[in-house]
């Protein structure tokens, strides 16, 4: 077998596309894909990784991980939860969004999935380091937030599979020094 070089996002998309649920309790064997596709709204934080990996996977094998563009992050998670409920927890969709209010909207769906013990895979965007200070007196001089929706989604729970994000300690804090 030849070694293939892949990015983490390419490996994740290929891995998810090759996961199956097998159940033979009480009848004929049931075998179906665990993740039949992915919902997403691409933007800052996920387009260069997951978006590129999905596009490359669809060029190579269109049935591996179909992508469905959503319009609202909360609705995408609710669709994935509804599909998991419909398939009796045997399959679900992966959901990704960009940094911003959309990642916060995914929290409602994650809470619903956790409450009802339904599987859903949420791939939140990664955090970007805070912007360096500018040399103007109108720049924000207060403390920067230390948590984000991505970090909230990265807390593991028994019913909700979540994505990963960098720990907040890996980012430097900038303090404006404009002398105002």
N, C-alpha and C. Protein backbone atom coordinates (compact mmCIF):
# COMPACT_ATOMS: atom_id res chain seq x y z
N UNK A 1 0.83 -1.18 0.00
CA UNK A 1 0.00 0.00 0.00
C UNK A 1 0.89 1.25 0.00
N UNK A 2 0.61 2.16 -0.88
CA UNK A 2 1.40 3.38 -0.99
C UNK A 2 0.96 4.39 0.07
N UNK A 3 1.91 5.16 0.54
CA UNK A 3 1.63 6.21 1.52
C UNK A 3 1.06 7.43 0.80
N UNK A 4 0.01 7.97 1.35
CA UNK A 4 -0.59 9.19 0.80
C UNK A 4 -0.43 10.32 1.78
N UNK A 5 -0.03 11.47 1.27
CA UNK A 5 0.07 12.67 2.11
C UNK A 5 -1.28 13.37 2.09
N UNK A 6 -1.79 13.68 3.28
CA UNK A 6 -3.09 14.32 3.40
C UNK A 6 -3.04 15.37 4.49
N UNK A 7 -3.91 16.36 4.36
CA UNK A 7 -4.10 17.31 5.45
C UNK A 7 -5.04 16.66 6.46
N UNK A 8 -5.15 17.25 7.63
CA UNK A 8 -6.05 16.72 8.65
C UNK A 8 -7.48 16.74 8.14
N UNK A 9 -7.89 17.82 7.48
CA UNK A 9 -9.25 17.92 6.96
C UNK A 9 -9.53 16.85 5.91
N UNK A 10 -8.57 16.59 5.02
CA UNK A 10 -8.75 15.53 4.02
C UNK A 10 -8.89 14.17 4.69
N UNK A 11 -8.08 13.92 5.71
CA UNK A 11 -8.17 12.65 6.43
C UNK A 11 -9.51 12.51 7.15
N UNK A 12 -9.99 13.59 7.74
CA UNK A 12 -11.28 13.56 8.45
C UNK A 12 -12.42 13.28 7.47
N UNK A 13 -12.44 13.96 6.34
CA UNK A 13 -13.51 13.76 5.36
C UNK A 13 -13.49 12.32 4.84
N UNK A 14 -12.31 11.81 4.52
CA UNK A 14 -12.24 10.43 4.03
C UNK A 14 -12.61 9.42 5.11
N UNK A 15 -12.17 9.68 6.33
CA UNK A 15 -12.50 8.78 7.44
C UNK A 15 -14.01 8.75 7.69
N UNK A 16 -14.64 9.93 7.74
CA UNK A 16 -16.08 9.99 7.98
C UNK A 16 -16.86 9.33 6.85
N UNK A 17 -16.38 9.47 5.63
CA UNK A 17 -17.06 8.87 4.50
C UNK A 17 -17.00 7.35 4.48
N UNK A 18 -16.08 6.77 5.24
CA UNK A 18 -15.91 5.32 5.26
C UNK A 18 -16.35 4.67 6.57
N UNK A 19 -17.16 5.38 7.36
CA UNK A 19 -17.67 4.82 8.60
C UNK A 19 -19.06 4.24 8.36
N UNK A 20 -19.30 3.05 8.89
CA UNK A 20 -20.58 2.36 8.69
C UNK A 20 -21.17 1.91 10.01
N UNK A 21 -22.49 1.82 10.04
CA UNK A 21 -23.21 1.25 11.16
C UNK A 21 -23.66 -0.14 10.75
N UNK A 22 -23.39 -1.12 11.59
CA UNK A 22 -23.79 -2.50 11.31
C UNK A 22 -24.63 -2.97 12.49
N UNK A 23 -25.81 -3.51 12.18
CA UNK A 23 -26.72 -3.98 13.22
C UNK A 23 -27.43 -5.23 12.70
N UNK A 24 -27.36 -6.30 13.46
CA UNK A 24 -28.05 -7.53 13.03
C UNK A 24 -29.00 -8.05 14.10
N UNK A 25 -29.41 -7.19 15.01
CA UNK A 25 -30.29 -7.60 16.10
C UNK A 25 -31.72 -7.78 15.59
N UNK A 26 -32.26 -8.98 15.73
CA UNK A 26 -33.65 -9.23 15.44
C UNK A 26 -34.03 -9.28 13.97
N UNK A 27 -33.12 -9.58 13.10
CA UNK A 27 -33.49 -9.65 11.69
C UNK A 27 -32.28 -9.64 10.78
N UNK A 28 -32.51 -9.29 9.52
CA UNK A 28 -31.38 -9.27 8.59
C UNK A 28 -30.38 -8.17 8.97
N UNK A 29 -29.17 -8.38 8.53
CA UNK A 29 -28.12 -7.42 8.87
C UNK A 29 -28.39 -6.07 8.22
N UNK A 30 -28.24 -5.03 9.02
CA UNK A 30 -28.41 -3.66 8.56
C UNK A 30 -27.03 -3.04 8.47
N UNK A 31 -26.69 -2.52 7.30
CA UNK A 31 -25.39 -1.86 7.11
C UNK A 31 -25.65 -0.58 6.33
N UNK A 32 -25.29 0.55 6.92
CA UNK A 32 -25.49 1.84 6.27
C UNK A 32 -24.36 2.78 6.69
N UNK A 33 -24.16 3.81 5.89
CA UNK A 33 -23.13 4.79 6.21
C UNK A 33 -23.52 5.56 7.46
N UNK A 34 -22.57 5.77 8.33
CA UNK A 34 -22.82 6.52 9.56
C UNK A 34 -23.03 7.99 9.26
N UNK A 35 -22.27 8.54 8.32
CA UNK A 35 -22.39 9.94 7.91
C UNK A 35 -22.67 9.99 6.42
N UNK A 36 -23.94 10.06 6.02
CA UNK A 36 -24.26 10.08 4.60
C UNK A 36 -23.93 11.39 3.91
N UNK A 37 -23.55 12.41 4.67
CA UNK A 37 -23.20 13.69 4.06
C UNK A 37 -22.84 14.72 5.11
N UNK A 38 -22.62 15.95 4.63
CA UNK A 38 -22.25 17.03 5.51
C UNK A 38 -23.00 18.30 5.13
N UNK A 39 -23.55 18.97 6.14
CA UNK A 39 -24.14 20.29 5.96
C UNK A 39 -23.07 21.32 6.30
N UNK A 40 -23.11 22.46 5.63
CA UNK A 40 -22.13 23.47 5.98
C UNK A 40 -22.41 24.82 5.39
N UNK A 41 -21.91 25.82 6.07
CA UNK A 41 -21.85 27.19 5.58
C UNK A 41 -20.40 27.59 5.73
N UNK A 42 -19.75 27.82 4.61
CA UNK A 42 -18.33 28.08 4.66
C UNK A 42 -18.03 29.57 4.73
N UNK A 43 -17.02 29.87 5.46
CA UNK A 43 -16.57 31.24 5.63
C UNK A 43 -15.25 31.22 6.37
N UNK A 44 -14.97 32.29 7.08
CA UNK A 44 -13.72 32.41 7.81
C UNK A 44 -13.63 31.32 8.87
N UNK A 45 -12.58 30.56 8.86
CA UNK A 45 -12.36 29.55 9.89
C UNK A 45 -12.46 28.12 9.41
N UNK A 46 -13.13 27.86 8.28
CA UNK A 46 -13.25 26.48 7.86
C UNK A 46 -13.16 26.27 6.35
N UNK A 47 -13.13 27.32 5.57
CA UNK A 47 -13.17 27.14 4.12
C UNK A 47 -11.87 26.54 3.58
N UNK A 48 -10.73 26.93 4.14
CA UNK A 48 -9.46 26.44 3.62
C UNK A 48 -9.20 24.99 4.01
N UNK A 49 -9.79 24.52 5.09
CA UNK A 49 -9.56 23.15 5.51
C UNK A 49 -10.65 22.20 5.05
N UNK A 50 -11.78 22.25 5.71
CA UNK A 50 -12.87 21.31 5.43
C UNK A 50 -13.47 21.55 4.05
N UNK A 51 -13.64 22.80 3.67
CA UNK A 51 -14.22 23.11 2.35
C UNK A 51 -13.38 22.57 1.21
N UNK A 52 -12.09 22.77 1.30
CA UNK A 52 -11.20 22.27 0.26
C UNK A 52 -11.18 20.74 0.26
N UNK A 53 -11.18 20.13 1.43
CA UNK A 53 -11.17 18.67 1.51
C UNK A 53 -12.45 18.06 0.94
N UNK A 54 -13.61 18.70 1.21
CA UNK A 54 -14.87 18.20 0.64
C UNK A 54 -14.87 18.31 -0.87
N UNK A 55 -14.38 19.42 -1.39
CA UNK A 55 -14.34 19.60 -2.84
C UNK A 55 -13.44 18.56 -3.50
N UNK A 56 -12.27 18.33 -2.92
CA UNK A 56 -11.36 17.34 -3.47
C UNK A 56 -11.94 15.92 -3.38
N UNK A 57 -12.66 15.64 -2.30
CA UNK A 57 -13.28 14.32 -2.16
C UNK A 57 -14.40 14.13 -3.17
N UNK A 58 -15.16 15.19 -3.46
CA UNK A 58 -16.24 15.08 -4.43
C UNK A 58 -15.71 14.93 -5.85
N UNK A 59 -14.56 15.49 -6.14
CA UNK A 59 -13.95 15.31 -7.46
C UNK A 59 -13.49 13.86 -7.60
N UNK A 60 -12.87 13.32 -6.55
CA UNK A 60 -12.36 11.95 -6.59
C UNK A 60 -13.48 10.91 -6.53
N UNK A 61 -14.45 11.10 -5.63
CA UNK A 61 -15.56 10.15 -5.47
C UNK A 61 -16.78 10.92 -4.99
N UNK A 62 -17.71 11.28 -5.88
CA UNK A 62 -18.86 12.11 -5.49
C UNK A 62 -19.75 11.51 -4.40
N UNK A 63 -19.74 10.19 -4.26
CA UNK A 63 -20.61 9.56 -3.25
C UNK A 63 -19.94 9.44 -1.88
N UNK A 64 -18.65 9.78 -1.76
CA UNK A 64 -17.95 9.60 -0.50
C UNK A 64 -18.53 10.46 0.61
N UNK A 65 -18.64 11.76 0.39
CA UNK A 65 -19.16 12.67 1.41
C UNK A 65 -19.88 13.82 0.70
N UNK A 66 -21.15 13.65 0.35
CA UNK A 66 -21.89 14.73 -0.30
C UNK A 66 -22.01 15.95 0.61
N UNK A 67 -21.93 17.11 0.01
CA UNK A 67 -22.02 18.37 0.75
C UNK A 67 -23.35 19.04 0.42
N UNK A 68 -24.04 19.49 1.46
CA UNK A 68 -25.30 20.20 1.29
C UNK A 68 -25.16 21.57 1.93
N UNK A 69 -25.28 22.61 1.11
CA UNK A 69 -25.12 23.96 1.64
C UNK A 69 -26.36 24.38 2.39
N UNK A 70 -26.14 24.83 3.60
CA UNK A 70 -27.24 25.29 4.44
C UNK A 70 -27.37 26.80 4.39
N UNK A 71 -28.43 27.29 4.98
CA UNK A 71 -28.66 28.73 5.06
C UNK A 71 -28.66 29.23 6.50
N UNK A 72 -28.84 28.31 7.44
CA UNK A 72 -28.88 28.68 8.85
C UNK A 72 -28.24 27.54 9.64
N UNK A 73 -27.30 27.88 10.49
CA UNK A 73 -26.53 26.87 11.22
C UNK A 73 -27.41 26.07 12.17
N UNK A 74 -28.31 26.75 12.86
CA UNK A 74 -29.18 26.04 13.79
C UNK A 74 -30.07 25.05 13.05
N UNK A 75 -30.59 25.45 11.91
CA UNK A 75 -31.44 24.56 11.12
C UNK A 75 -30.66 23.35 10.61
N UNK A 76 -29.39 23.55 10.26
CA UNK A 76 -28.59 22.41 9.80
C UNK A 76 -28.42 21.38 10.91
N UNK A 77 -28.15 21.84 12.13
CA UNK A 77 -27.99 20.91 13.25
C UNK A 77 -29.32 20.21 13.53
N UNK A 78 -30.43 20.95 13.47
CA UNK A 78 -31.72 20.33 13.71
C UNK A 78 -32.05 19.29 12.63
N UNK A 79 -31.63 19.54 11.38
CA UNK A 79 -31.83 18.53 10.34
C UNK A 79 -31.01 17.27 10.64
N UNK A 80 -29.78 17.45 11.07
CA UNK A 80 -28.93 16.30 11.41
C UNK A 80 -29.54 15.52 12.58
N UNK A 81 -30.06 16.23 13.58
CA UNK A 81 -30.69 15.58 14.73
C UNK A 81 -31.96 14.84 14.28
N UNK A 82 -32.75 15.48 13.42
CA UNK A 82 -33.96 14.83 12.91
C UNK A 82 -33.64 13.58 12.11
N UNK A 83 -32.57 13.62 11.33
CA UNK A 83 -32.16 12.44 10.56
C UNK A 83 -31.72 11.33 11.50
N UNK A 84 -30.98 11.69 12.56
CA UNK A 84 -30.54 10.69 13.53
C UNK A 84 -31.75 10.05 14.22
N UNK A 85 -32.74 10.86 14.52
CA UNK A 85 -33.96 10.32 15.15
C UNK A 85 -34.70 9.42 14.17
N UNK A 86 -34.78 9.83 12.92
CA UNK A 86 -35.47 9.06 11.89
C UNK A 86 -34.81 7.70 11.65
N UNK A 87 -33.50 7.66 11.70
CA UNK A 87 -32.76 6.41 11.45
C UNK A 87 -32.51 5.63 12.75
N UNK A 88 -33.15 6.02 13.82
CA UNK A 88 -33.01 5.36 15.12
C UNK A 88 -31.57 5.33 15.60
N UNK A 89 -30.91 6.47 15.48
CA UNK A 89 -29.54 6.69 15.95
C UNK A 89 -28.49 5.89 15.18
N UNK A 90 -28.83 5.39 14.03
CA UNK A 90 -27.87 4.61 13.25
C UNK A 90 -27.06 5.46 12.28
N UNK A 91 -27.52 6.68 12.01
CA UNK A 91 -26.80 7.56 11.09
C UNK A 91 -27.11 9.01 11.45
N UNK A 92 -26.22 9.89 11.06
CA UNK A 92 -26.42 11.32 11.29
C UNK A 92 -25.60 12.08 10.26
N UNK A 93 -25.72 13.37 10.25
CA UNK A 93 -24.95 14.22 9.35
C UNK A 93 -23.91 14.99 10.14
N UNK A 94 -22.81 15.32 9.48
CA UNK A 94 -21.83 16.22 10.06
C UNK A 94 -22.23 17.65 9.70
N UNK A 95 -21.93 18.60 10.58
CA UNK A 95 -22.31 20.00 10.37
C UNK A 95 -21.10 20.87 10.67
N UNK A 96 -20.84 21.83 9.78
CA UNK A 96 -19.75 22.78 10.00
C UNK A 96 -20.24 24.19 9.69
N UNK A 97 -19.61 25.17 10.32
CA UNK A 97 -19.98 26.57 10.08
C UNK A 97 -18.73 27.43 10.20
N UNK A 98 -18.88 28.70 9.93
CA UNK A 98 -17.76 29.62 10.03
C UNK A 98 -17.77 30.30 11.40
N UNK A 99 -16.71 31.04 11.67
CA UNK A 99 -16.60 31.76 12.93
C UNK A 99 -17.66 32.84 12.97
N UNK A 100 -18.23 33.06 14.12
CA UNK A 100 -19.21 34.12 14.28
C UNK A 100 -20.49 33.62 14.92
N UNK A 101 -21.57 34.33 14.67
CA UNK A 101 -22.84 33.97 15.30
C UNK A 101 -23.33 32.59 14.88
N UNK A 102 -22.93 32.12 13.71
CA UNK A 102 -23.36 30.81 13.26
C UNK A 102 -22.89 29.70 14.17
N UNK A 103 -21.66 29.80 14.65
CA UNK A 103 -21.15 28.79 15.57
C UNK A 103 -21.94 28.82 16.87
N UNK A 104 -22.37 30.00 17.29
CA UNK A 104 -23.20 30.10 18.48
C UNK A 104 -24.57 29.49 18.24
N UNK A 105 -25.11 29.66 17.05
CA UNK A 105 -26.41 29.07 16.73
C UNK A 105 -26.37 27.55 16.78
N UNK A 106 -25.22 26.95 16.55
CA UNK A 106 -25.12 25.49 16.59
C UNK A 106 -25.26 24.95 18.01
N UNK A 107 -25.05 25.80 19.01
CA UNK A 107 -25.15 25.34 20.40
C UNK A 107 -26.56 24.87 20.75
N UNK A 108 -27.58 25.52 20.19
CA UNK A 108 -28.95 25.12 20.48
C UNK A 108 -29.20 23.70 19.99
N UNK A 109 -28.76 23.41 18.78
CA UNK A 109 -28.91 22.06 18.25
C UNK A 109 -28.10 21.04 19.02
N UNK A 110 -26.91 21.44 19.49
CA UNK A 110 -26.09 20.53 20.29
C UNK A 110 -26.79 20.22 21.61
N UNK A 111 -27.43 21.22 22.20
CA UNK A 111 -28.17 20.99 23.44
C UNK A 111 -29.35 20.05 23.19
N UNK A 112 -30.05 20.22 22.08
CA UNK A 112 -31.17 19.34 21.74
C UNK A 112 -30.68 17.91 21.57
N UNK A 113 -29.57 17.72 20.86
CA UNK A 113 -29.03 16.38 20.64
C UNK A 113 -28.60 15.74 21.96
N UNK A 114 -27.99 16.53 22.81
CA UNK A 114 -27.55 16.00 24.10
C UNK A 114 -28.74 15.61 24.97
N UNK A 115 -29.75 16.46 25.01
CA UNK A 115 -30.93 16.19 25.81
C UNK A 115 -31.64 14.92 25.36
N UNK A 116 -31.74 14.72 24.04
CA UNK A 116 -32.44 13.56 23.50
C UNK A 116 -31.52 12.38 23.22
N UNK A 117 -30.25 12.50 23.58
CA UNK A 117 -29.26 11.44 23.38
C UNK A 117 -29.20 10.98 21.93
N UNK A 118 -29.11 11.95 21.05
CA UNK A 118 -29.02 11.68 19.62
C UNK A 118 -27.64 12.05 19.12
N UNK A 119 -27.04 11.25 18.24
CA UNK A 119 -25.71 11.57 17.74
C UNK A 119 -25.75 12.65 16.66
N UNK A 120 -24.80 13.53 16.72
CA UNK A 120 -24.60 14.53 15.68
C UNK A 120 -23.12 14.93 15.74
N UNK A 121 -22.52 15.14 14.60
CA UNK A 121 -21.12 15.53 14.56
C UNK A 121 -21.04 17.00 14.18
N UNK A 122 -20.55 17.81 15.09
CA UNK A 122 -20.40 19.24 14.85
C UNK A 122 -18.93 19.56 14.68
N UNK A 123 -18.59 20.18 13.57
CA UNK A 123 -17.21 20.57 13.30
C UNK A 123 -17.14 22.09 13.36
N UNK A 124 -16.90 22.64 14.55
CA UNK A 124 -16.87 24.09 14.68
C UNK A 124 -15.60 24.65 14.05
N UNK A 125 -15.62 25.92 13.71
CA UNK A 125 -14.43 26.54 13.12
C UNK A 125 -13.33 26.68 14.16
N UNK A 126 -12.13 26.82 13.69
CA UNK A 126 -11.01 27.06 14.59
C UNK A 126 -10.96 28.53 14.95
N UNK A 127 -10.34 28.82 16.04
CA UNK A 127 -10.19 30.21 16.47
C UNK A 127 -9.01 30.84 15.76
N UNK A 128 -9.14 32.09 15.47
CA UNK A 128 -8.00 32.83 14.95
C UNK A 128 -7.48 33.72 16.06
N UNK A 129 -6.19 33.98 16.08
CA UNK A 129 -5.66 34.83 17.15
C UNK A 129 -6.22 36.24 17.02
N UNK A 130 -6.33 36.94 18.14
CA UNK A 130 -6.84 38.29 18.08
C UNK A 130 -5.95 39.18 17.22
N UNK A 131 -6.55 40.17 16.62
CA UNK A 131 -5.80 41.09 15.75
C UNK A 131 -4.83 41.90 16.58
N UNK A 132 -3.67 42.21 16.01
CA UNK A 132 -2.73 43.04 16.75
C UNK A 132 -3.30 44.44 16.95
N UNK A 133 -2.87 45.13 17.98
CA UNK A 133 -3.42 46.45 18.25
C UNK A 133 -3.07 47.44 17.14
N UNK A 134 -3.95 48.37 16.96
CA UNK A 134 -3.70 49.44 16.00
C UNK A 134 -3.20 50.66 16.73
N UNK A 135 -2.70 51.64 15.99
CA UNK A 135 -2.15 52.84 16.61
C UNK A 135 -3.17 53.96 16.65
N UNK A 136 -4.40 53.65 16.95
CA UNK A 136 -5.38 54.72 17.08
C UNK A 136 -5.97 54.69 18.47
N UNK A 137 -6.46 55.79 18.91
CA UNK A 137 -6.99 55.90 20.27
C UNK A 137 -8.38 55.29 20.40
N UNK A 138 -9.01 54.96 19.30
CA UNK A 138 -10.35 54.40 19.38
C UNK A 138 -10.34 52.87 19.44
N UNK A 139 -9.16 52.26 19.50
CA UNK A 139 -9.11 50.80 19.54
C UNK A 139 -9.54 50.29 20.91
N UNK A 140 -10.04 49.09 20.92
CA UNK A 140 -10.51 48.47 22.16
C UNK A 140 -9.35 48.20 23.08
N UNK A 141 -9.47 48.64 24.34
CA UNK A 141 -8.38 48.45 25.27
C UNK A 141 -8.75 47.51 26.40
N UNK A 142 -9.93 46.93 26.35
CA UNK A 142 -10.36 46.01 27.39
C UNK A 142 -9.82 44.61 27.17
N UNK A 143 -10.17 43.72 28.07
CA UNK A 143 -9.69 42.34 27.91
C UNK A 143 -10.36 41.65 26.74
N UNK A 144 -9.64 40.76 26.14
CA UNK A 144 -10.17 39.99 25.02
C UNK A 144 -10.91 38.77 25.58
N UNK A 145 -11.96 38.31 24.89
CA UNK A 145 -12.66 37.13 25.38
C UNK A 145 -11.75 35.90 25.35
N UNK A 146 -11.92 35.02 26.32
CA UNK A 146 -11.08 33.83 26.39
C UNK A 146 -11.82 32.57 25.98
N UNK A 147 -13.11 32.67 25.73
CA UNK A 147 -13.86 31.51 25.28
C UNK A 147 -14.60 31.85 23.99
N UNK A 148 -15.05 30.84 23.32
CA UNK A 148 -15.78 31.03 22.08
C UNK A 148 -16.77 29.88 21.92
N UNK A 149 -17.69 29.97 20.98
CA UNK A 149 -18.58 28.85 20.72
C UNK A 149 -17.82 27.57 20.36
N UNK A 150 -16.69 27.72 19.66
CA UNK A 150 -15.90 26.54 19.30
C UNK A 150 -15.42 25.81 20.54
N UNK A 151 -14.99 26.55 21.55
CA UNK A 151 -14.53 25.92 22.78
C UNK A 151 -15.69 25.30 23.53
N UNK A 152 -16.84 25.91 23.48
CA UNK A 152 -18.02 25.35 24.12
C UNK A 152 -18.40 24.03 23.47
N UNK A 153 -18.33 23.97 22.15
CA UNK A 153 -18.67 22.75 21.43
C UNK A 153 -17.63 21.66 21.62
N UNK A 154 -16.42 22.02 22.03
CA UNK A 154 -15.36 21.01 22.14
C UNK A 154 -15.41 20.26 23.46
N UNK A 155 -16.33 20.61 24.36
CA UNK A 155 -16.48 19.88 25.61
C UNK A 155 -17.19 18.56 25.30
N UNK A 156 -16.58 17.42 25.58
CA UNK A 156 -17.20 16.15 25.20
C UNK A 156 -18.44 15.85 26.04
N UNK A 157 -19.42 15.25 25.42
CA UNK A 157 -20.59 14.77 26.11
C UNK A 157 -20.91 13.38 25.59
N UNK A 158 -21.63 12.58 26.33
CA UNK A 158 -21.84 11.20 25.89
C UNK A 158 -22.72 11.07 24.66
N UNK A 159 -23.61 12.03 24.40
CA UNK A 159 -24.55 11.87 23.29
C UNK A 159 -24.16 12.65 22.06
N UNK A 160 -23.29 13.66 22.19
CA UNK A 160 -22.98 14.53 21.08
C UNK A 160 -21.51 14.41 20.73
N UNK A 161 -21.21 14.00 19.52
CA UNK A 161 -19.83 13.97 19.05
C UNK A 161 -19.49 15.39 18.64
N UNK A 162 -18.35 15.87 19.05
CA UNK A 162 -18.01 17.25 18.74
C UNK A 162 -16.69 17.33 18.01
N UNK A 163 -16.41 18.51 17.51
CA UNK A 163 -15.17 18.75 16.79
C UNK A 163 -14.04 19.09 17.74
N UNK A 164 -13.03 19.67 17.22
CA UNK A 164 -11.87 20.00 18.00
C UNK A 164 -11.52 21.45 17.74
N UNK A 165 -10.86 22.04 18.69
CA UNK A 165 -10.40 23.41 18.52
C UNK A 165 -9.14 23.59 19.35
N UNK A 166 -8.37 24.57 19.01
CA UNK A 166 -7.14 24.84 19.73
C UNK A 166 -7.46 25.40 21.11
N UNK A 167 -6.69 25.05 22.12
CA UNK A 167 -6.94 25.61 23.44
C UNK A 167 -6.65 27.10 23.45
N UNK A 168 -7.34 27.82 24.32
CA UNK A 168 -7.21 29.27 24.35
C UNK A 168 -5.82 29.70 24.81
N UNK A 169 -5.11 28.83 25.52
CA UNK A 169 -3.79 29.21 26.00
C UNK A 169 -2.77 29.32 24.88
N UNK A 170 -3.10 28.85 23.67
CA UNK A 170 -2.14 28.91 22.58
C UNK A 170 -2.13 30.27 21.89
N UNK A 171 -3.00 31.17 22.29
CA UNK A 171 -3.05 32.48 21.67
C UNK A 171 -2.46 33.52 22.59
N UNK A 172 -1.73 34.43 22.02
CA UNK A 172 -1.16 35.51 22.81
C UNK A 172 -2.19 36.60 23.00
N UNK A 173 -2.12 37.24 24.13
CA UNK A 173 -2.98 38.40 24.36
C UNK A 173 -2.21 39.65 23.95
N UNK A 174 -2.88 40.50 23.21
CA UNK A 174 -2.29 41.76 22.79
C UNK A 174 -2.86 42.87 23.68
N UNK A 175 -2.04 43.78 24.07
CA UNK A 175 -2.55 44.92 24.81
C UNK A 175 -2.20 46.17 24.01
N UNK A 176 -3.20 47.01 23.74
CA UNK A 176 -2.93 48.21 22.96
C UNK A 176 -2.00 49.14 23.72
N UNK A 177 -1.08 49.70 23.01
CA UNK A 177 -0.15 50.64 23.63
C UNK A 177 -0.05 51.87 22.73
N UNK A 178 -1.15 52.60 22.70
CA UNK A 178 -1.15 53.78 21.82
C UNK A 178 -0.82 55.05 22.59
N UNK A 179 -0.66 54.96 23.92
CA UNK A 179 -0.25 56.11 24.68
C UNK A 179 -1.34 57.16 24.84
N UNK A 180 -2.58 56.81 24.69
CA UNK A 180 -3.68 57.77 24.84
C UNK A 180 -4.04 58.01 26.28
